[in-house]
C-alpha atoms as a PDB file:
ATOM      1  CA  UNK A   1     -60.726 -22.312  67.906  1.00  0.00           C
ATOM      2  CA  UNK A   2     -58.596 -22.302  64.775  1.00  0.00           C
ATOM      3  CA  UNK A   3     -55.444 -20.143  64.931  1.00  0.00           C
ATOM      4  CA  UNK A   4     -55.070 -17.088  62.803  1.00  0.00           C
ATOM      5  CA  UNK A   5     -51.769 -16.569  61.022  1.00  0.00           C
ATOM      6  CA  UNK A   6     -50.629 -13.686  58.800  1.00  0.00           C
ATOM      7  CA  UNK A   7     -48.071 -14.438  56.190  1.00  0.00           C
ATOM      8  CA  UNK A   8     -45.709 -11.597  55.199  1.00  0.00           C
ATOM      9  CA  UNK A   9     -44.117 -12.189  51.807  1.00  0.00           C
ATOM     10  CA  UNK A  10     -40.744 -10.658  51.068  1.00  0.00           C
ATOM     11  CA  UNK A  11     -39.380 -12.572  48.160  1.00  0.00           C
ATOM     12  CA  UNK A  12     -36.268 -14.818  48.241  1.00  0.00           C
ATOM     13  CA  UNK A  13     -35.666 -18.184  46.626  1.00  0.00           C
ATOM     14  CA  UNK A  14     -38.996 -19.569  47.838  1.00  0.00           C
ATOM     15  CA  UNK A  15     -40.721 -16.918  45.568  1.00  0.00           C
ATOM     16  CA  UNK A  16     -38.187 -17.107  42.783  1.00  0.00           C
ATOM     17  CA  UNK A  17     -38.231 -18.647  39.311  1.00  0.00           C
ATOM     18  CA  UNK A  18     -35.508 -19.043  36.666  1.00  0.00           C
ATOM     19  CA  UNK A  19     -35.302 -16.247  34.120  1.00  0.00           C
ATOM     20  CA  UNK A  20     -32.853 -15.460  31.254  1.00  0.00           C
ATOM     21  CA  UNK A  21     -30.725 -13.244  33.360  1.00  0.00           C
ATOM     22  CA  UNK A  22     -30.845 -15.561  36.453  1.00  0.00           C
ATOM     23  CA  UNK A  23     -33.343 -16.462  39.135  1.00  0.00           C
ATOM     24  CA  UNK A  24     -35.479 -13.622  40.586  1.00  0.00           C
ATOM     25  CA  UNK A  25     -38.392 -13.451  42.929  1.00  0.00           C
ATOM     26  CA  UNK A  26     -41.569 -13.569  40.824  1.00  0.00           C
ATOM     27  CA  UNK A  27     -44.179 -15.522  42.918  1.00  0.00           C
ATOM     28  CA  UNK A  28     -46.672 -13.745  45.236  1.00  0.00           C
ATOM     29  CA  UNK A  29     -47.412 -14.824  48.796  1.00  0.00           C
ATOM     30  CA  UNK A  30     -50.685 -15.838  47.619  1.00  0.00           C
ATOM     31  CA  UNK A  31     -49.042 -18.253  45.110  1.00  0.00           C
ATOM     32  CA  UNK A  32     -46.897 -19.754  47.874  1.00  0.00           C
ATOM     33  CA  UNK A  33     -49.931 -20.312  50.129  1.00  0.00           C
ATOM     34  CA  UNK A  34     -51.950 -21.879  47.354  1.00  0.00           C
ATOM     35  CA  UNK A  35     -49.174 -24.356  46.708  1.00  0.00           C
ATOM     36  CA  UNK A  36     -49.580 -25.839  50.279  1.00  0.00           C
ATOM     37  CA  UNK A  37     -53.224 -26.705  50.798  1.00  0.00           C
ATOM     38  CA  UNK A  38     -52.511 -28.431  54.052  1.00  0.00           C
ATOM     39  CA  UNK A  39     -51.785 -24.984  55.729  1.00  0.00           C
ATOM     40  CA  UNK A  40     -55.570 -24.577  55.953  1.00  0.00           C
ATOM     41  CA  UNK A  41     -55.798 -27.532  58.448  1.00  0.00           C
ATOM     42  CA  UNK A  42     -53.628 -25.643  60.862  1.00  0.00           C
ATOM     43  CA  UNK A  43     -54.668 -22.072  60.730  1.00  0.00           C
ATOM     44  CA  UNK A  44     -56.728 -19.424  58.983  1.00  0.00           C
ATOM     45  CA  UNK A  45     -54.233 -17.693  56.600  1.00  0.00           C
ATOM     46  CA  UNK A  46     -54.036 -14.072  55.601  1.00  0.00           C
ATOM     47  CA  UNK A  47     -51.277 -12.875  53.207  1.00  0.00           C
ATOM     48  CA  UNK A  48     -49.646  -9.413  52.971  1.00  0.00           C
ATOM     49  CA  UNK A  49     -47.076  -8.548  50.280  1.00  0.00           C
ATOM     50  CA  UNK A  50     -44.348  -6.472  51.826  1.00  0.00           C
ATOM     51  CA  UNK A  51     -41.388  -6.442  49.422  1.00  0.00           C
ATOM     52  CA  UNK A  52     -40.276  -8.645  46.633  1.00  0.00           C
ATOM     53  CA  UNK A  53     -36.465  -9.071  46.848  1.00  0.00           C
ATOM     54  CA  UNK A  54     -33.698 -11.577  47.040  1.00  0.00           C
ATOM     55  CA  UNK A  55     -32.450 -11.409  50.676  1.00  0.00           C
ATOM     56  CA  UNK A  56     -28.930 -10.429  49.754  1.00  0.00           C
ATOM     57  CA  UNK A  57     -30.511  -7.075  48.816  1.00  0.00           C
ATOM     58  CA  UNK A  58     -32.644  -6.692  51.947  1.00  0.00           C
ATOM     59  CA  UNK A  59     -32.127  -3.382  53.498  1.00  0.00           C
ATOM     60  CA  UNK A  60     -32.923  -1.596  56.885  1.00  0.00           C
ATOM     61  CA  UNK A  61     -35.857   0.361  55.385  1.00  0.00           C
ATOM     62  CA  UNK A  62     -37.509  -2.854  54.344  1.00  0.00           C
ATOM     63  CA  UNK A  63     -36.858  -4.421  57.726  1.00  0.00           C
ATOM     64  CA  UNK A  64     -38.599  -1.489  59.342  1.00  0.00           C
ATOM     65  CA  UNK A  65     -41.631  -2.078  57.181  1.00  0.00           C
ATOM     66  CA  UNK A  66     -41.663  -5.729  58.102  1.00  0.00           C
ATOM     67  CA  UNK A  67     -41.513  -4.722  61.738  1.00  0.00           C
ATOM     68  CA  UNK A  68     -44.549  -2.431  61.357  1.00  0.00           C
ATOM     69  CA  UNK A  69     -46.551  -4.997  59.333  1.00  0.00           C
ATOM     70  CA  UNK A  70     -45.720  -7.616  61.975  1.00  0.00           C
ATOM     71  CA  UNK A  71     -47.078  -5.411  64.765  1.00  0.00           C
ATOM     72  CA  UNK A  72     -50.084  -4.562  62.692  1.00  0.00           C
ATOM     73  CA  UNK A  73     -50.924  -8.237  62.074  1.00  0.00           C
ATOM     74  CA  UNK A  74     -50.725  -9.017  65.897  1.00  0.00           C
ATOM     75  CA  UNK A  75     -52.619  -5.902  66.895  1.00  0.00           C
ATOM     76  CA  UNK A  76     -55.356  -7.019  64.304  1.00  0.00           C
ATOM     77  CA  UNK A  77     -55.689 -10.438  66.007  1.00  0.00           C
ATOM     78  CA  UNK A  78     -53.093 -12.761  64.483  1.00  0.00           C
ATOM     79  CA  UNK A  79     -52.023 -15.517  66.769  1.00  0.00           C
ATOM     80  CA  UNK A  80     -48.689 -15.732  64.765  1.00  0.00           C
ATOM     81  CA  UNK A  81     -46.803 -14.246  62.023  1.00  0.00           C
ATOM     82  CA  UNK A  82     -44.867 -16.133  59.248  1.00  0.00           C
ATOM     83  CA  UNK A  83     -42.436 -14.301  57.059  1.00  0.00           C
ATOM     84  CA  UNK A  84     -41.228 -15.813  53.842  1.00  0.00           C
ATOM     85  CA  UNK A  85     -37.711 -14.599  53.169  1.00  0.00           C
ATOM     86  CA  UNK A  86     -34.484 -15.460  51.297  1.00  0.00           C
ATOM     87  CA  UNK A  87     -32.044 -17.627  53.124  1.00  0.00           C
ATOM     88  CA  UNK A  88     -28.945 -15.459  52.622  1.00  0.00           C
ATOM     89  CA  UNK A  89     -29.654 -12.965  55.254  1.00  0.00           C
ATOM     90  CA  UNK A  90     -32.534 -14.656  56.974  1.00  0.00           C
ATOM     91  CA  UNK A  91     -30.673 -15.096  60.231  1.00  0.00           C
ATOM     92  CA  UNK A  92     -29.830 -11.358  60.335  1.00  0.00           C
ATOM     93  CA  UNK A  93     -33.520 -10.382  59.636  1.00  0.00           C
ATOM     94  CA  UNK A  94     -34.716 -12.798  62.325  1.00  0.00           C
ATOM     95  CA  UNK A  95     -32.280 -11.359  64.860  1.00  0.00           C
ATOM     96  CA  UNK A  96     -33.171  -7.819  64.011  1.00  0.00           C
ATOM     97  CA  UNK A  97     -36.838  -8.573  64.571  1.00  0.00           C
ATOM     98  CA  UNK A  98     -35.980 -10.364  67.804  1.00  0.00           C
ATOM     99  CA  UNK A  99     -34.121  -7.245  69.019  1.00  0.00           C
ATOM    100  CA  UNK A 100     -37.008  -4.703  68.231  1.00  0.00           C
ATOM    101  CA  UNK A 101     -40.233  -6.722  68.575  1.00  0.00           C
ATOM    102  CA  UNK A 102     -41.813  -7.346  72.030  1.00  0.00           C
ATOM    103  CA  UNK A 103     -44.887  -9.358  71.142  1.00  0.00           C
ATOM    104  CA  UNK A 104     -46.875 -12.182  72.789  1.00  0.00           C
ATOM    105  CA  UNK A 105     -47.206 -13.953  69.362  1.00  0.00           C
ATOM    106  CA  UNK A 106     -44.468 -16.004  67.664  1.00  0.00           C
ATOM    107  CA  UNK A 107     -42.779 -14.692  64.430  1.00  0.00           C
ATOM    108  CA  UNK A 108     -41.356 -17.401  62.260  1.00  0.00           C
ATOM    109  CA  UNK A 109     -39.180 -16.756  59.247  1.00  0.00           C
ATOM    110  CA  UNK A 110     -38.880 -19.407  56.557  1.00  0.00           C
ATOM    111  CA  UNK A 111     -37.712 -19.836  52.893  1.00  0.00           C
ATOM    112  CA  UNK A 112     -36.218 -22.270  50.539  1.00  0.00           C
ATOM    113  CA  UNK A 113     -32.903 -23.509  49.168  1.00  0.00           C
ATOM    114  CA  UNK A 114     -34.556 -24.800  45.932  1.00  0.00           C
ATOM    115  CA  UNK A 115     -36.936 -22.740  43.829  1.00  0.00           C
ATOM    116  CA  UNK A 116     -40.346 -23.983  42.953  1.00  0.00           C
ATOM    117  CA  UNK A 117     -39.256 -24.717  39.395  1.00  0.00           C
ATOM    118  CA  UNK A 118     -36.398 -27.028  40.447  1.00  0.00           C
ATOM    119  CA  UNK A 119     -36.537 -30.744  41.381  1.00  0.00           C
ATOM    120  CA  UNK A 120     -37.846 -31.411  44.831  1.00  0.00           C
ATOM    121  CA  UNK A 121     -38.296 -27.874  46.069  1.00  0.00           C
ATOM    122  CA  UNK A 122     -38.172 -27.424  49.892  1.00  0.00           C
ATOM    123  CA  UNK A 123     -40.311 -24.292  50.132  1.00  0.00           C
ATOM    124  CA  UNK A 124     -43.696 -25.927  50.781  1.00  0.00           C
ATOM    125  CA  UNK A 125     -42.376 -28.171  53.461  1.00  0.00           C
ATOM    126  CA  UNK A 126     -40.654 -25.347  55.192  1.00  0.00           C
ATOM    127  CA  UNK A 127     -43.721 -23.044  54.937  1.00  0.00           C
ATOM    128  CA  UNK A 128     -45.805 -25.861  56.480  1.00  0.00           C
ATOM    129  CA  UNK A 129     -43.377 -26.153  59.393  1.00  0.00           C
ATOM    130  CA  UNK A 130     -43.447 -22.416  59.903  1.00  0.00           C
ATOM    131  CA  UNK A 131     -47.206 -22.358  60.081  1.00  0.00           C
ATOM    132  CA  UNK A 132     -47.305 -25.305  62.399  1.00  0.00           C
ATOM    133  CA  UNK A 133     -44.985 -23.581  64.739  1.00  0.00           C
ATOM    134  CA  UNK A 134     -46.753 -20.292  64.624  1.00  0.00           C
ATOM    135  CA  UNK A 135     -50.084 -21.850  65.364  1.00  0.00           C
ATOM    136  CA  UNK A 136     -49.002 -24.522  67.962  1.00  0.00           C
ATOM    137  CA  UNK A 137     -50.097 -24.122  71.540  1.00  0.00           C
ATOM    138  CA  UNK A 138     -46.579 -24.371  72.823  1.00  0.00           C
ATOM    139  CA  UNK A 139     -45.555 -21.246  70.985  1.00  0.00           C
ATOM    140  CA  UNK A 140     -48.710 -19.178  70.848  1.00  0.00           C
ATOM    141  CA  UNK A 141     -48.849 -16.459  73.438  1.00  0.00           C
ATOM    142  CA  UNK A 142     -45.022 -16.819  74.073  1.00  0.00           C
ATOM    143  CA  UNK A 143     -43.502 -14.489  71.573  1.00  0.00           C
ATOM    144  CA  UNK A 144     -40.092 -14.810  70.180  1.00  0.00           C
ATOM    145  CA  UNK A 145     -38.640 -14.875  66.711  1.00  0.00           C
ATOM    146  CA  UNK A 146     -37.558 -18.204  65.022  1.00  0.00           C
ATOM    147  CA  UNK A 147     -36.448 -19.691  61.788  1.00  0.00           C
ATOM    148  CA  UNK A 148     -38.249 -22.795  60.632  1.00  0.00           C
ATOM    149  CA  UNK A 149     -36.269 -24.882  58.141  1.00  0.00           C
ATOM    150  CA  UNK A 150     -35.954 -28.688  57.303  1.00  0.00           C
ATOM    151  CA  UNK A 151     -38.397 -29.560  60.022  1.00  0.00           C
ATOM    152  CA  UNK A 152     -36.433 -27.680  62.768  1.00  0.00           C
ATOM    153  CA  UNK A 153     -37.299 -24.485  64.634  1.00  0.00           C
ATOM    154  CA  UNK A 154     -34.289 -22.265  65.702  1.00  0.00           C
ATOM    155  CA  UNK A 155     -34.121 -19.289  67.937  1.00  0.00           C
ATOM    156  CA  UNK A 156     -33.274 -16.043  66.165  1.00  0.00           C
ATOM    157  CA  UNK A 157     -30.534 -15.163  68.526  1.00  0.00           C
ATOM    158  CA  UNK A 158     -28.590 -18.414  68.094  1.00  0.00           C
ATOM    159  CA  UNK A 159     -29.265 -19.471  64.502  1.00  0.00           C
ATOM    160  CA  UNK A 160     -26.899 -19.128  61.443  1.00  0.00           C
ATOM    161  CA  UNK A 161     -26.822 -20.272  57.938  1.00  0.00           C
ATOM    162  CA  UNK A 162     -24.058 -22.897  57.801  1.00  0.00           C
ATOM    163  CA  UNK A 163     -24.293 -24.221  54.238  1.00  0.00           C
ATOM    164  CA  UNK A 164     -24.733 -22.577  50.851  1.00  0.00           C
ATOM    165  CA  UNK A 165     -26.988 -25.206  49.382  1.00  0.00           C
ATOM    166  CA  UNK A 166     -27.924 -28.008  51.716  1.00  0.00           C
ATOM    167  CA  UNK A 167     -31.613 -28.225  52.581  1.00  0.00           C
ATOM    168  CA  UNK A 168     -30.619 -28.447  56.277  1.00  0.00           C
ATOM    169  CA  UNK A 169     -28.861 -25.164  55.931  1.00  0.00           C
ATOM    170  CA  UNK A 170     -29.516 -23.612  59.355  1.00  0.00           C
ATOM    171  CA  UNK A 171     -27.800 -24.582  62.625  1.00  0.00           C
ATOM    172  CA  UNK A 172     -27.551 -23.147  66.181  1.00  0.00           C
ATOM    173  CA  UNK A 173     -23.943 -23.568  67.115  1.00  0.00           C
ATOM    174  CA  UNK A 174     -23.368 -24.756  70.695  1.00  0.00           C
ATOM    175  CA  UNK A 175     -27.141 -24.959  71.155  1.00  0.00           C
ATOM    176  CA  UNK A 176     -29.940 -27.155  69.923  1.00  0.00           C
ATOM    177  CA  UNK A 177     -32.931 -26.257  67.783  1.00  0.00           C
ATOM    178  CA  UNK A 178     -35.858 -25.043  69.963  1.00  0.00           C
ATOM    179  CA  UNK A 179     -38.012 -27.840  68.441  1.00  0.00           C
ATOM    180  CA  UNK A 180     -38.204 -30.559  65.831  1.00  0.00           C
ATOM    181  CA  UNK A 181     -41.318 -31.308  63.890  1.00  0.00           C
ATOM    182  CA  UNK A 182     -42.232 -34.803  62.873  1.00  0.00           C
ATOM    183  CA  UNK A 183     -45.214 -35.813  60.636  1.00  0.00           C
ATOM    184  CA  UNK A 184     -47.453 -36.006  63.578  1.00  0.00           C
ATOM    185  CA  UNK A 185     -46.019 -34.193  66.537  1.00  0.00           C
ATOM    186  CA  UNK A 186     -43.700 -31.569  67.830  1.00  0.00           C
ATOM    187  CA  UNK A 187     -40.710 -32.316  70.169  1.00  0.00           C
ATOM    188  CA  UNK A 188     -39.807 -29.124  72.016  1.00  0.00           C
ATOM    189  CA  UNK A 189     -36.114 -29.117  73.224  1.00  0.00           C
ATOM    190  CA  UNK A 190     -35.774 -25.562  74.630  1.00  0.00           C
ATOM    191  CA  UNK A 191     -38.101 -23.181  76.300  1.00  0.00           C
ATOM    192  CA  UNK A 192     -39.851 -21.094  73.711  1.00  0.00           C
ATOM    193  CA  UNK A 193     -39.565 -17.261  73.691  1.00  0.00           C
ATOM    194  CA  UNK A 194     -37.083 -14.551  72.867  1.00  0.00           C
ATOM    195  CA  UNK A 195     -33.361 -14.694  73.691  1.00  0.00           C
ATOM    196  CA  UNK A 196     -32.764 -10.929  73.262  1.00  0.00           C
ATOM    197  CA  UNK A 197     -33.332  -7.853  75.322  1.00  0.00           C
ATOM    198  CA  UNK A 198     -35.654  -5.468  73.423  1.00  0.00           C
ATOM    199  CA  UNK A 199     -34.193  -2.374  71.795  1.00  0.00           C
ATOM    200  CA  UNK A 200     -36.573   0.552  71.361  1.00  0.00           C
ATOM    201  CA  UNK A 201     -35.207   1.777  68.040  1.00  0.00           C
ATOM    202  CA  UNK A 202     -36.821  -0.070  65.172  1.00  0.00           C
ATOM    203  CA  UNK A 203     -34.713   1.543  62.270  1.00  0.00           C
ATOM    204  CA  UNK A 204     -31.293   3.023  62.063  1.00  0.00           C
ATOM    205  CA  UNK A 205     -29.070   5.084  59.658  1.00  0.00           C
ATOM    206  CA  UNK A 206     -25.930   4.255  61.623  1.00  0.00           C
ATOM    207  CA  UNK A 207     -22.887   3.229  59.488  1.00  0.00           C
ATOM    208  CA  UNK A 208     -21.187   0.271  61.101  1.00  0.00           C
ATOM    209  CA  UNK A 209     -18.413  -1.429  59.193  1.00  0.00           C
ATOM    210  CA  UNK A 210     -17.205  -5.085  59.712  1.00  0.00           C
ATOM    211  CA  UNK A 211     -13.402  -5.436  59.680  1.00  0.00           C
ATOM    212  CA  UNK A 212     -11.832  -8.859  59.432  1.00  0.00           C
ATOM    213  CA  UNK A 213      -8.376  -9.988  60.755  1.00  0.00           C
ATOM    214  CA  UNK A 214      -6.138 -12.779  59.456  1.00  0.00           C
ATOM    215  CA  UNK A 215      -2.544 -13.511  58.770  1.00  0.00           C
ATOM    216  CA  UNK A 216      -0.627 -10.328  57.920  1.00  0.00           C
ATOM    217  CA  UNK A 217      -3.664  -7.957  58.179  1.00  0.00           C
ATOM    218  CA  UNK A 218      -2.685  -4.384  58.628  1.00  0.00           C
ATOM    219  CA  UNK A 219      -4.532  -1.139  59.389  1.00  0.00           C
ATOM    220  CA  UNK A 220      -6.074  -0.321  56.008  1.00  0.00           C
ATOM    221  CA  UNK A 221      -9.617  -1.423  56.809  1.00  0.00           C
ATOM    222  CA  UNK A 222      -9.788   0.653  59.925  1.00  0.00           C
ATOM    223  CA  UNK A 223      -8.070   3.613  58.306  1.00  0.00           C
ATOM    224  CA  UNK A 224     -10.556   3.634  55.507  1.00  0.00           C
ATOM    225  CA  UNK A 225     -13.487   3.298  57.747  1.00  0.00           C
ATOM    226  CA  UNK A 226     -12.427   6.181  60.032  1.00  0.00           C
ATOM    227  CA  UNK A 227     -11.645   8.264  57.014  1.00  0.00           C
ATOM    228  CA  UNK A 228     -15.320   7.861  55.965  1.00  0.00           C
ATOM    229  CA  UNK A 229     -16.620   8.972  59.347  1.00  0.00           C
ATOM    230  CA  UNK A 230     -18.000   5.540  60.311  1.00  0.00           C
ATOM    231  CA  UNK A 231     -20.209   5.377  63.422  1.00  0.00           C
ATOM    232  CA  UNK A 232     -18.903   2.010  64.641  1.00  0.00           C
ATOM    233  CA  UNK A 233     -16.741  -1.111  63.868  1.00  0.00           C
ATOM    234  CA  UNK A 234     -17.262  -4.682  64.313  1.00  0.00           C
ATOM    235  CA  UNK A 235     -13.996  -6.678  64.266  1.00  0.00           C
ATOM    236  CA  UNK A 236     -14.211 -10.357  63.340  1.00  0.00           C
ATOM    237  CA  UNK A 237     -11.280 -11.632  65.211  1.00  0.00           C
ATOM    238  CA  UNK A 238      -9.546 -15.047  65.337  1.00  0.00           C
ATOM    239  CA  UNK A 239     -10.072 -17.540  68.200  1.00  0.00           C
ATOM    240  CA  UNK A 240     -11.172 -15.963  71.488  1.00  0.00           C
ATOM    241  CA  UNK A 241     -11.287 -12.635  69.785  1.00  0.00           C
ATOM    242  CA  UNK A 242      -7.720 -11.601  68.766  1.00  0.00           C
ATOM    243  CA  UNK A 243      -6.222  -9.556  65.931  1.00  0.00           C
ATOM    244  CA  UNK A 244      -2.858  -8.821  64.381  1.00  0.00           C
ATOM    245  CA  UNK A 245      -0.730  -6.264  66.249  1.00  0.00           C
ATOM    246  CA  UNK A 246      -1.081  -3.625  63.549  1.00  0.00           C
ATOM    247  CA  UNK A 247      -4.899  -4.028  63.591  1.00  0.00           C
ATOM    248  CA  UNK A 248      -4.902  -3.979  67.377  1.00  0.00           C
ATOM    249  CA  UNK A 249      -3.149  -0.561  67.297  1.00  0.00           C
ATOM    250  CA  UNK A 250      -5.711   0.718  64.730  1.00  0.00           C
ATOM    251  CA  UNK A 251      -8.460  -0.453  67.086  1.00  0.00           C
ATOM    252  CA  UNK A 252      -6.921   1.494  70.010  1.00  0.00           C
ATOM    253  CA  UNK A 253      -6.877   4.691  67.827  1.00  0.00           C
ATOM    254  CA  UNK A 254     -10.496   4.190  66.858  1.00  0.00           C
ATOM    255  CA  UNK A 255     -11.571   3.767  70.489  1.00  0.00           C
ATOM    256  CA  UNK A 256      -9.546   6.807  71.535  1.00  0.00           C
ATOM    257  CA  UNK A 257     -11.412   8.776  68.801  1.00  0.00           C
ATOM    258  CA  UNK A 258     -14.760   7.644  70.609  1.00  0.00           C
ATOM    259  CA  UNK A 259     -15.691   5.181  67.783  1.00  0.00           C
ATOM    260  CA  UNK A 260     -17.440   2.107  69.398  1.00  0.00           C
ATOM    261  CA  UNK A 261     -15.685  -1.110  68.490  1.00  0.00           C
ATOM    262  CA  UNK A 262     -17.186  -4.644  69.122  1.00  0.00           C
ATOM    263  CA  UNK A 263     -14.921  -7.776  69.044  1.00  0.00           C
ATOM    264  CA  UNK A 264     -16.408 -11.042  67.652  1.00  0.00           C
ATOM    265  CA  UNK A 265     -14.794 -14.287  66.467  1.00  0.00           C
ATOM    266  CA  UNK A 266     -14.686 -15.916  63.080  1.00  0.00           C
ATOM    267  CA  UNK A 267     -15.233 -19.300  64.841  1.00  0.00           C
ATOM    268  CA  UNK A 268     -18.734 -20.613  64.488  1.00  0.00           C
ATOM    269  CA  UNK A 269     -18.993 -21.738  68.012  1.00  0.00           C
ATOM    270  CA  UNK A 270     -17.937 -20.298  71.385  1.00  0.00           C
ATOM    271  CA  UNK A 271     -17.546 -16.788  72.807  1.00  0.00           C
ATOM    272  CA  UNK A 272     -14.784 -14.304  72.904  1.00  0.00           C
ATOM    273  CA  UNK A 273     -12.653 -13.830  76.048  1.00  0.00           C
ATOM    274  CA  UNK A 274      -9.905 -11.486  77.065  1.00  0.00           C
ATOM    275  CA  UNK A 275      -6.969 -13.793  77.505  1.00  0.00           C
ATOM    276  CA  UNK A 276      -4.039 -12.749  75.327  1.00  0.00           C
ATOM    277  CA  UNK A 277      -1.589  -9.873  75.665  1.00  0.00           C
ATOM    278  CA  UNK A 278       0.349  -8.207  72.744  1.00  0.00           C
ATOM    279  CA  UNK A 279      -1.094  -5.199  70.824  1.00  0.00           C
ATOM    280  CA  UNK A 280      -3.834  -7.367  69.128  1.00  0.00           C
ATOM    281  CA  UNK A 281      -4.568  -9.845  72.004  1.00  0.00           C
ATOM    282  CA  UNK A 282      -8.022  -9.943  73.491  1.00  0.00           C
ATOM    283  CA  UNK A 283      -6.949  -8.751  76.945  1.00  0.00           C
ATOM    284  CA  UNK A 284      -5.119  -5.759  75.512  1.00  0.00           C
ATOM    285  CA  UNK A 285      -8.084  -4.870  73.305  1.00  0.00           C
ATOM    286  CA  UNK A 286     -10.250  -5.132  76.460  1.00  0.00           C
ATOM    287  CA  UNK A 287      -8.002  -2.716  78.345  1.00  0.00           C
ATOM    288  CA  UNK A 288      -8.580  -0.189  75.450  1.00  0.00           C
ATOM    289  CA  UNK A 289     -12.268  -0.340  75.966  1.00  0.00           C
ATOM    290  CA  UNK A 290     -13.470  -2.674  73.200  1.00  0.00           C
ATOM    291  CA  UNK A 291     -17.072  -4.116  73.537  1.00  0.00           C
ATOM    292  CA  UNK A 292     -17.292  -7.867  74.150  1.00  0.00           C
ATOM    293  CA  UNK A 293     -19.412  -9.404  71.422  1.00  0.00           C
ATOM    294  CA  UNK A 294     -19.911 -12.621  73.358  1.00  0.00           C
ATOM    295  CA  UNK A 295     -20.850 -15.484  70.984  1.00  0.00           C
ATOM    296  CA  UNK A 296     -22.597 -13.216  68.397  1.00  0.00           C
ATOM    297  CA  UNK A 297     -21.229 -13.559  64.857  1.00  0.00           C
ATOM    298  CA  UNK A 298     -20.008 -10.378  63.187  1.00  0.00           C
ATOM    299  CA  UNK A 299     -23.171  -9.828  61.110  1.00  0.00           C
ATOM    300  CA  UNK A 300     -25.511  -9.941  64.057  1.00  0.00           C
ATOM    301  CA  UNK A 301     -23.214  -7.831  66.274  1.00  0.00           C
ATOM    302  CA  UNK A 302     -23.358  -5.221  63.468  1.00  0.00           C
ATOM    303  CA  UNK A 303     -27.130  -5.013  63.586  1.00  0.00           C
ATOM    304  CA  UNK A 304     -27.212  -4.793  67.308  1.00  0.00           C
ATOM    305  CA  UNK A 305     -24.696  -2.024  67.412  1.00  0.00           C
ATOM    306  CA  UNK A 306     -26.472  -0.027  64.732  1.00  0.00           C
ATOM    307  CA  UNK A 307     -29.685  -0.106  66.703  1.00  0.00           C
ATOM    308  CA  UNK A 308     -28.028   0.723  69.974  1.00  0.00           C
ATOM    309  CA  UNK A 309     -26.228   3.739  68.334  1.00  0.00           C
ATOM    310  CA  UNK A 310     -29.666   4.937  67.194  1.00  0.00           C
ATOM    311  CA  UNK A 311     -31.208   4.417  70.547  1.00  0.00           C
ATOM    312  CA  UNK A 312     -28.414   6.029  72.445  1.00  0.00           C
ATOM    313  CA  UNK A 313     -27.779   8.884  70.232  1.00  0.00           C
ATOM    314  CA  UNK A 314     -24.567  10.692  71.278  1.00  0.00           C
ATOM    315  CA  UNK A 315     -24.002   8.329  74.105  1.00  0.00           C
ATOM    316  CA  UNK A 316     -20.354   7.783  75.481  1.00  0.00           C
ATOM    317  CA  UNK A 317     -18.596   4.555  74.842  1.00  0.00           C
ATOM    318  CA  UNK A 318     -19.232   3.256  78.381  1.00  0.00           C
ATOM    319  CA  UNK A 319     -23.031   3.589  77.956  1.00  0.00           C
ATOM    320  CA  UNK A 320     -22.901   1.708  74.524  1.00  0.00           C
ATOM    321  CA  UNK A 321     -20.628  -0.937  76.058  1.00  0.00           C
ATOM    322  CA  UNK A 322     -22.973  -1.538  78.951  1.00  0.00           C
ATOM    323  CA  UNK A 323     -26.003  -1.680  76.849  1.00  0.00           C
ATOM    324  CA  UNK A 324     -24.411  -4.093  74.219  1.00  0.00           C
ATOM    325  CA  UNK A 325     -22.969  -6.454  76.784  1.00  0.00           C
ATOM    326  CA  UNK A 326     -26.066  -6.605  78.993  1.00  0.00           C
ATOM    327  CA  UNK A 327     -27.353  -9.384  76.649  1.00  0.00           C
ATOM    328  CA  UNK A 328     -24.762  -9.959  74.071  1.00  0.00           C
END
């Protein structure tokens, strides 16, 4: 029996063409499907237009619509869902979906680094890889959210965009891709499925700000955030999750004001760990009650904290910390 796949089109480079004022999404999901006739040999394809935006303009409201459209497609019998999306924030959207969806059908995001009106566009190949993954027996019935790019399939929890323009833009630091697609077959390297605990909230209005440390960084970022009644902070620390001493003091003040703060690292690989003393060292920050971000990058930790603040409305810091760290 042929697989059934629903393609949700959201814009991005894969749907963009050059215009006088710069490239903008202009091609429909139907246009994208029509450009890859081979898709029909892998699945029966249905297309739904969701939004038409560059991914750097993607917002929480649009993600909530994508969540509902994905659920509807699976409820209506789709064996898998493919989402065409811009690459800038694709890893964020994939992780968001992985956090809130609990489905037995694979959800595969894909896009392009080159527009269809450029030389050697990569969108058709990436779209074909996504459809092959969403319809393949090794992934059907297993759930999970993935990114398909340059003939590789990456888990949403682990993947990040590592290069601005290379066709092999996505990597999974410290981990391998879930699978690699050749012309004729699929090599599965890791067990398919989600790597995230499901969060019940599917949308959020929480205001969570990312703060970065570095040589000589002071308290201004945290002071400004607290002055704006922020709901939470993500700190992108150095190394194992450390900050300057002034910033460490500002983080202590935020925690004492019951503002949840998550520590992450600007390093692409590895996890944070409470090792160092001094006011900005990871061990000191932990003693103040900071949340351990594990190996999540700051942009993914932000989405997770936003959803948890929504789910655990008015919860104390201990509850939020335990929920975040349960599967960070």
